[in-house]
C-alpha atoms as a PDB file:
ATOM      1  CA  UNK A   1     217.921  95.195 144.934  1.00  0.00           C
ATOM      2  CA  UNK A   2     215.052  96.975 143.312  1.00  0.00           C
ATOM      3  CA  UNK A   3     211.595  95.672 144.055  1.00  0.00           C
ATOM      4  CA  UNK A   4     209.406  95.017 141.025  1.00  0.00           C
ATOM      5  CA  UNK A   5     206.723  97.558 140.364  1.00  0.00           C
ATOM      6  CA  UNK A   6     204.243  95.919 137.930  1.00  0.00           C
ATOM      7  CA  UNK A   7     201.253  97.557 136.170  1.00  0.00           C
ATOM      8  CA  UNK A   8     198.714  95.044 134.700  1.00  0.00           C
ATOM      9  CA  UNK A   9     195.922  95.868 132.243  1.00  0.00           C
ATOM     10  CA  UNK A  10     192.889  93.891 131.131  1.00  0.00           C
ATOM     11  CA  UNK A  11     190.403  95.131 128.581  1.00  0.00           C
ATOM     12  CA  UNK A  12     189.519  91.835 126.897  1.00  0.00           C
ATOM     13  CA  UNK A  13     186.070  91.441 128.534  1.00  0.00           C
ATOM     14  CA  UNK A  14     183.265  93.735 129.434  1.00  0.00           C
ATOM     15  CA  UNK A  15     185.203  94.724 132.597  1.00  0.00           C
ATOM     16  CA  UNK A  16     188.125  97.231 132.380  1.00  0.00           C
ATOM     17  CA  UNK A  17     190.828  96.344 134.995  1.00  0.00           C
ATOM     18  CA  UNK A  18     194.064  97.820 136.160  1.00  0.00           C
ATOM     19  CA  UNK A  19     196.203  96.260 138.811  1.00  0.00           C
ATOM     20  CA  UNK A  20     199.481  97.412 140.488  1.00  0.00           C
ATOM     21  CA  UNK A  21     202.123  95.420 142.464  1.00  0.00           C
ATOM     22  CA  UNK A  22     204.148  97.943 144.390  1.00  0.00           C
ATOM     23  CA  UNK A  23     206.366  97.280 147.484  1.00  0.00           C
ATOM     24  CA  UNK A  24     204.833  93.798 147.709  1.00  0.00           C
ATOM     25  CA  UNK A  25     201.239  95.120 147.957  1.00  0.00           C
ATOM     26  CA  UNK A  26     198.576  94.572 145.350  1.00  0.00           C
ATOM     27  CA  UNK A  27     195.824  97.086 144.441  1.00  0.00           C
ATOM     28  CA  UNK A  28     193.367  96.987 141.689  1.00  0.00           C
ATOM     29  CA  UNK A  29     190.579  98.920 139.964  1.00  0.00           C
ATOM     30  CA  UNK A  30     187.817  97.207 138.097  1.00  0.00           C
ATOM     31  CA  UNK A  31     184.833  98.665 136.268  1.00  0.00           C
ATOM     32  CA  UNK A  32     182.203  97.393 133.947  1.00  0.00           C
ATOM     33  CA  UNK A  33     182.898  99.303 130.846  1.00  0.00           C
ATOM     34  CA  UNK A  34     180.980  97.930 127.891  1.00  0.00           C
ATOM     35  CA  UNK A  35     182.387  99.671 124.766  1.00  0.00           C
ATOM     36  CA  UNK A  36     184.064 102.413 126.808  1.00  0.00           C
ATOM     37  CA  UNK A  37     187.403 100.680 127.589  1.00  0.00           C
ATOM     38  CA  UNK A  38     189.184 103.311 125.450  1.00  0.00           C
ATOM     39  CA  UNK A  39     187.760 106.183 127.594  1.00  0.00           C
ATOM     40  CA  UNK A  40     188.260 104.403 130.966  1.00  0.00           C
ATOM     41  CA  UNK A  41     191.717 102.679 130.853  1.00  0.00           C
ATOM     42  CA  UNK A  42     194.027 105.810 130.901  1.00  0.00           C
ATOM     43  CA  UNK A  43     192.177 107.577 133.781  1.00  0.00           C
ATOM     44  CA  UNK A  44     192.242 104.243 135.695  1.00  0.00           C
ATOM     45  CA  UNK A  45     196.025 103.950 135.212  1.00  0.00           C
ATOM     46  CA  UNK A  46     196.462 107.569 136.359  1.00  0.00           C
ATOM     47  CA  UNK A  47     194.269 106.947 139.434  1.00  0.00           C
ATOM     48  CA  UNK A  48     195.973 103.770 140.622  1.00  0.00           C
ATOM     49  CA  UNK A  49     199.438 105.294 140.209  1.00  0.00           C
ATOM     50  CA  UNK A  50     198.383 108.539 141.956  1.00  0.00           C
ATOM     51  CA  UNK A  51     196.892 106.522 144.909  1.00  0.00           C
ATOM     52  CA  UNK A  52     200.189 104.810 145.334  1.00  0.00           C
ATOM     53  CA  UNK A  53     202.240 108.023 144.956  1.00  0.00           C
ATOM     54  CA  UNK A  54     203.870 106.728 141.769  1.00  0.00           C
ATOM     55  CA  UNK A  55     204.564 108.180 138.304  1.00  0.00           C
ATOM     56  CA  UNK A  56     204.480 105.933 135.195  1.00  0.00           C
ATOM     57  CA  UNK A  57     208.217 106.158 134.761  1.00  0.00           C
ATOM     58  CA  UNK A  58     208.587 104.277 138.152  1.00  0.00           C
ATOM     59  CA  UNK A  59     206.823 101.164 136.755  1.00  0.00           C
ATOM     60  CA  UNK A  60     209.368  98.440 136.015  1.00  0.00           C
ATOM     61  CA  UNK A  61     207.058  96.182 133.976  1.00  0.00           C
ATOM     62  CA  UNK A  62     203.731  96.070 132.240  1.00  0.00           C
ATOM     63  CA  UNK A  63     201.566  93.010 131.794  1.00  0.00           C
ATOM     64  CA  UNK A  64     198.331  92.614 129.804  1.00  0.00           C
ATOM     65  CA  UNK A  65     196.030  89.772 128.944  1.00  0.00           C
ATOM     66  CA  UNK A  66     196.267  88.047 125.723  1.00  0.00           C
ATOM     67  CA  UNK A  67     192.750  86.647 125.786  1.00  0.00           C
ATOM     68  CA  UNK A  68     190.455  85.043 125.251  1.00  0.00           C
ATOM     69  CA  UNK A  69     188.431  88.087 124.762  1.00  0.00           C
ATOM     70  CA  UNK A  70     187.437  90.481 122.085  1.00  0.00           C
ATOM     71  CA  UNK A  71     189.957  91.464 119.424  1.00  0.00           C
ATOM     72  CA  UNK A  72     189.335  95.190 120.071  1.00  0.00           C
ATOM     73  CA  UNK A  73     189.868  94.829 123.840  1.00  0.00           C
ATOM     74  CA  UNK A  74     193.179  93.012 123.358  1.00  0.00           C
ATOM     75  CA  UNK A  75     194.259  95.523 120.786  1.00  0.00           C
ATOM     76  CA  UNK A  76     193.474  98.319 123.287  1.00  0.00           C
ATOM     77  CA  UNK A  77     195.765  96.762 125.912  1.00  0.00           C
ATOM     78  CA  UNK A  78     198.615  96.614 123.436  1.00  0.00           C
ATOM     79  CA  UNK A  79     198.090 100.144 122.341  1.00  0.00           C
ATOM     80  CA  UNK A  80     198.016 101.455 125.809  1.00  0.00           C
ATOM     81  CA  UNK A  81     201.061  99.445 126.661  1.00  0.00           C
ATOM     82  CA  UNK A  82     203.098 101.035 123.966  1.00  0.00           C
END
């Protein structure tokens, strides 16, 4: 049975957050990123995956917040998720 590898994103508030569930262990990165989510989210995803020795194609599922929060922040999550 394949274990779930889940990547979660949240850009709906002033914080920019990325979390990873891999082999039953949770890790996360969180930064205050007022108006810089667009610049921060992709490098944060790269960093959390690299720290776990993973590539994006090894992620089984993606989760992101649906609010409440700013419209722009929620739109950024969906854009990155695609």
